[in-house]
Amino acid sequence: MTAHRFAVGQPVRMNNRFGLSPSTAETYRITAILPVREDNLPQYRIRNDDERHERVATEDSLEEIRAQPSPGDAAPE
């Protein structure tokens, strides 16, 4: 069985925007973990708060958004 890489609430970005409108949101959050497809790809329900609907995306079409350090954070010495 394939494990899901992302967790509910985690911010993600769609890495392939082919076929999407330029005005389509870029940042989403995982709202649900769905069953693995028959081709062994984990699926997720994702949402952007500016859209009125949710999307279903496979794990290979998503990438993690890493938190950027705040300007006030001290750099490691």
PDB file of N, CA and C in Angstrom:
ATOM      1  N   MET A   1       0.844  -1.190   0.000  1.00  0.00           N
ATOM      2  CA  MET A   1       0.000   0.000   0.000  1.00  0.00           C
ATOM      3  C   MET A   1       0.887   1.251   0.000  1.00  0.00           C
ATOM      4  N   THR A   2       0.504   2.245  -0.782  1.00  0.00           N
ATOM      5  CA  THR A   2       1.255   3.484  -0.892  1.00  0.00           C
ATOM      6  C   THR A   2       0.822   4.453   0.208  1.00  0.00           C
ATOM      7  N   ALA A   3       1.800   5.063   0.851  1.00  0.00           N
ATOM      8  CA  ALA A   3       1.507   6.035   1.908  1.00  0.00           C
ATOM      9  C   ALA A   3       1.304   7.417   1.296  1.00  0.00           C
ATOM     10  N   HIS A   4       0.426   8.194   1.886  1.00  0.00           N
ATOM     11  CA  HIS A   4       0.209   9.576   1.461  1.00  0.00           C
ATOM     12  C   HIS A   4       1.334  10.446   2.021  1.00  0.00           C
ATOM     13  N   ARG A   5       1.823  11.347   1.208  1.00  0.00           N
ATOM     14  CA  ARG A   5       2.945  12.215   1.578  1.00  0.00           C
ATOM     15  C   ARG A   5       2.499  13.491   2.297  1.00  0.00           C
ATOM     16  N   PHE A   6       1.302  13.964   1.992  1.00  0.00           N
ATOM     17  CA  PHE A   6       0.813  15.217   2.546  1.00  0.00           C
ATOM     18  C   PHE A   6      -0.239  14.955   3.618  1.00  0.00           C
ATOM     19  N   ALA A   7      -0.412  15.910   4.532  1.00  0.00           N
ATOM     20  CA  ALA A   7      -1.372  15.795   5.622  1.00  0.00           C
ATOM     21  C   ALA A   7      -2.474  16.836   5.471  1.00  0.00           C
ATOM     22  N   VAL A   8      -3.617  16.573   6.068  1.00  0.00           N
ATOM     23  CA  VAL A   8      -4.733  17.521   6.047  1.00  0.00           C
ATOM     24  C   VAL A   8      -4.268  18.836   6.684  1.00  0.00           C
ATOM     25  N   GLY A   9      -4.587  19.939   6.022  1.00  0.00           N
ATOM     26  CA  GLY A   9      -4.204  21.268   6.497  1.00  0.00           C
ATOM     27  C   GLY A   9      -2.895  21.773   5.918  1.00  0.00           C
ATOM     28  N   GLN A  10      -2.123  20.895   5.287  1.00  0.00           N
ATOM     29  CA  GLN A  10      -0.817  21.280   4.747  1.00  0.00           C
ATOM     30  C   GLN A  10      -0.978  22.124   3.480  1.00  0.00           C
ATOM     31  N   PRO A  11      -0.216  23.230   3.353  1.00  0.00           N
ATOM     32  CA  PRO A  11      -0.278  24.026   2.125  1.00  0.00           C
ATOM     33  C   PRO A  11       0.517  23.355   1.002  1.00  0.00           C
ATOM     34  N   VAL A  12      -0.047  23.397  -0.206  1.00  0.00           N
ATOM     35  CA  VAL A  12       0.597  22.803  -1.373  1.00  0.00           C
ATOM     36  C   VAL A  12       0.396  23.707  -2.580  1.00  0.00           C
ATOM     37  N   ARG A  13       1.139  23.413  -3.617  1.00  0.00           N
ATOM     38  CA  ARG A  13       1.040  24.139  -4.887  1.00  0.00           C
ATOM     39  C   ARG A  13       0.888  23.089  -5.995  1.00  0.00           C
ATOM     40  N   MET A  14       0.103  23.405  -6.998  1.00  0.00           N
ATOM     41  CA  MET A  14      -0.010  22.506  -8.149  1.00  0.00           C
ATOM     42  C   MET A  14       1.228  22.706  -9.014  1.00  0.00           C
ATOM     43  N   ASN A  15       1.945  21.628  -9.311  1.00  0.00           N
ATOM     44  CA  ASN A  15       3.182  21.783 -10.066  1.00  0.00           C
ATOM     45  C   ASN A  15       2.967  21.748 -11.574  1.00  0.00           C
ATOM     46  N   ASN A  16       1.796  21.363 -12.025  1.00  0.00           N
ATOM     47  CA  ASN A  16       1.497  21.373 -13.452  1.00  0.00           C
ATOM     48  C   ASN A  16       0.217  22.167 -13.636  1.00  0.00           C
ATOM     49  N   ARG A  17       0.336  23.347 -14.192  1.00  0.00           N
ATOM     50  CA  ARG A  17      -0.825  24.211 -14.361  1.00  0.00           C
ATOM     51  C   ARG A  17      -1.363  24.154 -15.789  1.00  0.00           C
ATOM     52  N   PHE A  18      -0.968  23.142 -16.551  1.00  0.00           N
ATOM     53  CA  PHE A  18      -1.434  22.981 -17.930  1.00  0.00           C
ATOM     54  C   PHE A  18      -2.959  22.871 -17.955  1.00  0.00           C
ATOM     55  N   GLY A  19      -3.590  23.674 -18.779  1.00  0.00           N
ATOM     56  CA  GLY A  19      -5.034  23.630 -18.920  1.00  0.00           C
ATOM     57  C   GLY A  19      -5.791  24.465 -17.902  1.00  0.00           C
ATOM     58  N   LEU A  20      -5.083  25.103 -16.983  1.00  0.00           N
ATOM     59  CA  LEU A  20      -5.743  25.943 -15.988  1.00  0.00           C
ATOM     60  C   LEU A  20      -5.698  27.400 -16.418  1.00  0.00           C
ATOM     61  N   SER A  21      -6.707  28.131 -16.059  1.00  0.00           N
ATOM     62  CA  SER A  21      -6.760  29.552 -16.352  1.00  0.00           C
ATOM     63  C   SER A  21      -5.644  30.279 -15.610  1.00  0.00           C
ATOM     64  N   PRO A  22      -5.067  31.334 -16.199  1.00  0.00           N
ATOM     65  CA  PRO A  22      -4.038  32.100 -15.495  1.00  0.00           C
ATOM     66  C   PRO A  22      -4.541  32.694 -14.178  1.00  0.00           C
ATOM     67  N   SER A  23      -5.849  32.894 -14.059  1.00  0.00           N
ATOM     68  CA  SER A  23      -6.393  33.461 -12.832  1.00  0.00           C
ATOM     69  C   SER A  23      -6.638  32.399 -11.752  1.00  0.00           C
ATOM     70  N   THR A  24      -6.405  31.121 -12.097  1.00  0.00           N
ATOM     71  CA  THR A  24      -6.593  30.050 -11.117  1.00  0.00           C
ATOM     72  C   THR A  24      -5.587  30.211  -9.988  1.00  0.00           C
ATOM     73  N   ALA A  25      -6.054  30.011  -8.778  1.00  0.00           N
ATOM     74  CA  ALA A  25      -5.205  30.164  -7.590  1.00  0.00           C
ATOM     75  C   ALA A  25      -4.001  29.228  -7.666  1.00  0.00           C
ATOM     76  N   GLU A  26      -2.929  29.612  -6.988  1.00  0.00           N
ATOM     77  CA  GLU A  26      -1.722  28.799  -6.984  1.00  0.00           C
ATOM     78  C   GLU A  26      -1.531  28.034  -5.685  1.00  0.00           C
ATOM     79  N   THR A  27      -1.972  28.597  -4.575  1.00  0.00           N
ATOM     80  CA  THR A  27      -1.751  27.970  -3.281  1.00  0.00           C
ATOM     81  C   THR A  27      -3.035  27.318  -2.789  1.00  0.00           C
ATOM     82  N   TYR A  28      -2.908  26.071  -2.369  1.00  0.00           N
ATOM     83  CA  TYR A  28      -4.045  25.302  -1.878  1.00  0.00           C
ATOM     84  C   TYR A  28      -3.681  24.706  -0.532  1.00  0.00           C
ATOM     85  N   ARG A  29      -4.688  24.178   0.149  1.00  0.00           N
ATOM     86  CA  ARG A  29      -4.421  23.403   1.355  1.00  0.00           C
ATOM     87  C   ARG A  29      -5.152  22.083   1.218  1.00  0.00           C
ATOM     88  N   ILE A  30      -4.576  21.053   1.802  1.00  0.00           N
ATOM     89  CA  ILE A  30      -5.180  19.725   1.761  1.00  0.00           C
ATOM     90  C   ILE A  30      -6.382  19.735   2.704  1.00  0.00           C
ATOM     91  N   THR A  31      -7.557  19.353   2.188  1.00  0.00           N
ATOM     92  CA  THR A  31      -8.750  19.302   3.034  1.00  0.00           C
ATOM     93  C   THR A  31      -9.151  17.867   3.361  1.00  0.00           C
ATOM     94  N   ALA A  32      -8.684  16.902   2.555  1.00  0.00           N
ATOM     95  CA  ALA A  32      -9.015  15.501   2.829  1.00  0.00           C
ATOM     96  C   ALA A  32      -8.030  14.595   2.107  1.00  0.00           C
ATOM     97  N   ILE A  33      -7.791  13.456   2.708  1.00  0.00           N
ATOM     98  CA  ILE A  33      -6.983  12.415   2.077  1.00  0.00           C
ATOM     99  C   ILE A  33      -7.962  11.412   1.478  1.00  0.00           C
ATOM    100  N   LEU A  34      -7.800  11.144   0.190  1.00  0.00           N
ATOM    101  CA  LEU A  34      -8.685  10.233  -0.524  1.00  0.00           C
ATOM    102  C   LEU A  34      -7.981   8.893  -0.756  1.00  0.00           C
ATOM    103  N   PRO A  35      -8.730   7.864  -1.099  1.00  0.00           N
ATOM    104  CA  PRO A  35      -8.105   6.558  -1.347  1.00  0.00           C
ATOM    105  C   PRO A  35      -7.127   6.606  -2.519  1.00  0.00           C
ATOM    106  N   VAL A  36      -6.171   5.707  -2.491  1.00  0.00           N
ATOM    107  CA  VAL A  36      -5.193   5.575  -3.571  1.00  0.00           C
ATOM    108  C   VAL A  36      -5.920   5.070  -4.820  1.00  0.00           C
ATOM    109  N   ARG A  37      -5.586   5.643  -5.972  1.00  0.00           N
ATOM    110  CA  ARG A  37      -6.205   5.213  -7.225  1.00  0.00           C
ATOM    111  C   ARG A  37      -5.720   3.825  -7.620  1.00  0.00           C
ATOM    112  N   GLU A  38      -6.365   3.228  -8.612  1.00  0.00           N
ATOM    113  CA  GLU A  38      -5.977   1.901  -9.091  1.00  0.00           C
ATOM    114  C   GLU A  38      -4.554   1.878  -9.643  1.00  0.00           C
ATOM    115  N   ASP A  39      -4.079   3.020 -10.152  1.00  0.00           N
ATOM    116  CA  ASP A  39      -2.713   3.088 -10.683  1.00  0.00           C
ATOM    117  C   ASP A  39      -1.703   3.419  -9.586  1.00  0.00           C
ATOM    118  N   ASN A  40      -2.117   3.266  -8.323  1.00  0.00           N
ATOM    119  CA  ASN A  40      -1.248   3.404  -7.157  1.00  0.00           C
ATOM    120  C   ASN A  40      -0.851   4.850  -6.839  1.00  0.00           C
ATOM    121  N   LEU A  41      -1.612   5.832  -7.316  1.00  0.00           N
ATOM    122  CA  LEU A  41      -1.336   7.237  -7.015  1.00  0.00           C
ATOM    123  C   LEU A  41      -2.241   7.709  -5.879  1.00  0.00           C
ATOM    124  N   PRO A  42      -1.661   8.216  -4.793  1.00  0.00           N
ATOM    125  CA  PRO A  42      -2.470   8.794  -3.717  1.00  0.00           C
ATOM    126  C   PRO A  42      -3.213  10.036  -4.219  1.00  0.00           C
ATOM    127  N   GLN A  43      -4.410  10.249  -3.702  1.00  0.00           N
ATOM    128  CA  GLN A  43      -5.226  11.394  -4.092  1.00  0.00           C
ATOM    129  C   GLN A  43      -5.562  12.256  -2.882  1.00  0.00           C
ATOM    130  N   TYR A  44      -5.840  13.521  -3.170  1.00  0.00           N
ATOM    131  CA  TYR A  44      -6.179  14.483  -2.125  1.00  0.00           C
ATOM    132  C   TYR A  44      -7.302  15.384  -2.613  1.00  0.00           C
ATOM    133  N   ARG A  45      -8.066  15.896  -1.666  1.00  0.00           N
ATOM    134  CA  ARG A  45      -9.012  16.967  -1.955  1.00  0.00           C
ATOM    135  C   ARG A  45      -8.300  18.238  -1.516  1.00  0.00           C
ATOM    136  N   ILE A  46      -8.261  19.247  -2.398  1.00  0.00           N
ATOM    137  CA  ILE A  46      -7.555  20.495  -2.109  1.00  0.00           C
ATOM    138  C   ILE A  46      -8.504  21.672  -2.300  1.00  0.00           C
ATOM    139  N   ARG A  47      -8.174  22.770  -1.621  1.00  0.00           N
ATOM    140  CA  ARG A  47      -9.023  23.961  -1.714  1.00  0.00           C
ATOM    141  C   ARG A  47      -8.195  25.225  -1.554  1.00  0.00           C
ATOM    142  N   ASN A  48      -8.599  26.239  -2.310  1.00  0.00           N
ATOM    143  CA  ASN A  48      -8.094  27.586  -2.130  1.00  0.00           C
ATOM    144  C   ASN A  48      -9.273  28.400  -1.619  1.00  0.00           C
ATOM    145  N   ASP A  49      -9.056  29.191  -0.582  1.00  0.00           N
ATOM    146  CA  ASP A  49     -10.153  29.927   0.044  1.00  0.00           C
ATOM    147  C   ASP A  49     -10.799  30.959  -0.888  1.00  0.00           C
ATOM    148  N   ASP A  50     -10.125  31.331  -1.968  1.00  0.00           N
ATOM    149  CA  ASP A  50     -10.689  32.297  -2.906  1.00  0.00           C
ATOM    150  C   ASP A  50     -11.608  31.640  -3.938  1.00  0.00           C
ATOM    151  N   GLU A  51     -11.611  30.309  -3.989  1.00  0.00           N
ATOM    152  CA  GLU A  51     -12.470  29.584  -4.931  1.00  0.00           C
ATOM    153  C   GLU A  51     -13.672  29.022  -4.180  1.00  0.00           C
ATOM    154  N   ARG A  52     -14.768  28.827  -4.909  1.00  0.00           N
ATOM    155  CA  ARG A  52     -15.989  28.335  -4.281  1.00  0.00           C
ATOM    156  C   ARG A  52     -16.124  26.822  -4.388  1.00  0.00           C
ATOM    157  N   HIS A  53     -15.108  26.151  -4.831  1.00  0.00           N
ATOM    158  CA  HIS A  53     -15.168  24.696  -4.988  1.00  0.00           C
ATOM    159  C   HIS A  53     -13.859  24.067  -4.538  1.00  0.00           C
ATOM    160  N   GLU A  54     -13.882  22.760  -4.383  1.00  0.00           N
ATOM    161  CA  GLU A  54     -12.668  22.001  -4.076  1.00  0.00           C
ATOM    162  C   GLU A  54     -12.250  21.257  -5.327  1.00  0.00           C
ATOM    163  N   ARG A  55     -11.012  20.830  -5.342  1.00  0.00           N
ATOM    164  CA  ARG A  55     -10.468  20.059  -6.454  1.00  0.00           C
ATOM    165  C   ARG A  55      -9.953  18.736  -5.921  1.00  0.00           C
ATOM    166  N   VAL A  56      -9.850  17.759  -6.796  1.00  0.00           N
ATOM    167  CA  VAL A  56      -9.191  16.501  -6.468  1.00  0.00           C
ATOM    168  C   VAL A  56      -7.898  16.474  -7.266  1.00  0.00           C
ATOM    169  N   ALA A  57      -6.801  16.160  -6.595  1.00  0.00           N
ATOM    170  CA  ALA A  57      -5.494  16.133  -7.253  1.00  0.00           C
ATOM    171  C   ALA A  57      -4.728  14.892  -6.806  1.00  0.00           C
ATOM    172  N   THR A  58      -3.926  14.367  -7.705  1.00  0.00           N
ATOM    173  CA  THR A  58      -3.060  13.246  -7.350  1.00  0.00           C
ATOM    174  C   THR A  58      -1.765  13.792  -6.764  1.00  0.00           C
ATOM    175  N   GLU A  59      -1.107  12.949  -5.969  1.00  0.00           N
ATOM    176  CA  GLU A  59       0.104  13.386  -5.276  1.00  0.00           C
ATOM    177  C   GLU A  59       1.193  13.860  -6.234  1.00  0.00           C
ATOM    178  N   ASP A  60       1.294  13.242  -7.412  1.00  0.00           N
ATOM    179  CA  ASP A  60       2.345  13.634  -8.349  1.00  0.00           C
ATOM    180  C   ASP A  60       2.103  15.003  -8.985  1.00  0.00           C
ATOM    181  N   SER A  61       0.906  15.576  -8.794  1.00  0.00           N
ATOM    182  CA  SER A  61       0.623  16.903  -9.348  1.00  0.00           C
ATOM    183  C   SER A  61       0.747  18.007  -8.299  1.00  0.00           C
ATOM    184  N   LEU A  62       1.175  17.640  -7.084  1.00  0.00           N
ATOM    185  CA  LEU A  62       1.296  18.612  -6.001  1.00  0.00           C
ATOM    186  C   LEU A  62       2.731  18.702  -5.512  1.00  0.00           C
ATOM    187  N   GLU A  63       3.091  19.870  -5.020  1.00  0.00           N
ATOM    188  CA  GLU A  63       4.401  20.034  -4.386  1.00  0.00           C
ATOM    189  C   GLU A  63       4.222  20.775  -3.076  1.00  0.00           C
ATOM    190  N   GLU A  64       5.070  20.441  -2.131  1.00  0.00           N
ATOM    191  CA  GLU A  64       5.019  21.046  -0.803  1.00  0.00           C
ATOM    192  C   GLU A  64       5.437  22.508  -0.865  1.00  0.00           C
ATOM    193  N   ILE A  65       4.782  23.333  -0.066  1.00  0.00           N
ATOM    194  CA  ILE A  65       5.181  24.732   0.090  1.00  0.00           C
ATOM    195  C   ILE A  65       5.914  24.810   1.410  1.00  0.00           C
ATOM    196  N   ARG A  66       7.166  25.128   1.349  1.00  0.00           N
ATOM    197  CA  ARG A  66       7.964  25.242   2.569  1.00  0.00           C
ATOM    198  C   ARG A  66       7.821  26.642   3.123  1.00  0.00           C
ATOM    199  N   ALA A  67       7.736  26.730   4.429  1.00  0.00           N
ATOM    200  CA  ALA A  67       7.586  28.034   5.098  1.00  0.00           C
ATOM    201  C   ALA A  67       8.830  28.863   4.880  1.00  0.00           C
ATOM    202  N   GLN A  68       8.634  30.106   4.514  1.00  0.00           N
ATOM    203  CA  GLN A  68       9.744  31.044   4.331  1.00  0.00           C
ATOM    204  C   GLN A  68      10.067  31.693   5.674  1.00  0.00           C
ATOM    205  N   PRO A  69      11.338  31.879   5.995  1.00  0.00           N
ATOM    206  CA  PRO A  69      11.675  32.535   7.258  1.00  0.00           C
ATOM    207  C   PRO A  69      11.174  33.981   7.259  1.00  0.00           C
ATOM    208  N   SER A  70      10.718  34.423   8.395  1.00  0.00           N
ATOM    209  CA  SER A  70      10.257  35.807   8.540  1.00  0.00           C
ATOM    210  C   SER A  70      11.465  36.739   8.546  1.00  0.00           C
ATOM    211  N   PRO A  71      11.330  37.975   8.071  1.00  0.00           N
ATOM    212  CA  PRO A  71      12.454  38.909   8.042  1.00  0.00           C
ATOM    213  C   PRO A  71      13.071  39.144   9.413  1.00  0.00           C
ATOM    214  N   GLY A  72      12.289  39.014  10.492  1.00  0.00           N
ATOM    215  CA  GLY A  72      12.805  39.245  11.831  1.00  0.00           C
ATOM    216  C   GLY A  72      13.494  38.035  12.436  1.00  0.00           C
ATOM    217  N   ASP A  73      13.411  36.869  11.768  1.00  0.00           N
ATOM    218  CA  ASP A  73      14.053  35.671  12.313  1.00  0.00           C
ATOM    219  C   ASP A  73      15.563  35.796  12.240  1.00  0.00           C
ATOM    220  N   ALA A  74      16.222  35.378  13.297  1.00  0.00           N
ATOM    221  CA  ALA A  74      17.697  35.429  13.332  1.00  0.00           C
ATOM    222  C   ALA A  74      18.260  34.300  12.488  1.00  0.00           C
ATOM    223  N   ALA A  75      19.278  34.606  11.731  1.00  0.00           N
ATOM    224  CA  ALA A  75      19.961  33.591  10.917  1.00  0.00           C
ATOM    225  C   ALA A  75      20.849  32.743  11.823  1.00  0.00           C
ATOM    226  N   PRO A  76      20.949  31.423  11.533  1.00  0.00           N
ATOM    227  CA  PRO A  76      21.839  30.589  12.351  1.00  0.00           C
ATOM    228  C   PRO A  76      23.282  31.009  12.189  1.00  0.00           C
ATOM    229  N   GLU A  77      24.020  30.931  13.292  1.00  0.00           N
ATOM    230  CA  GLU A  77      25.432  31.352  13.246  1.00  0.00           C
ATOM    231  C   GLU A  77      26.339  30.193  13.035  1.00  0.00           C
TER     232      GLU A  77
END
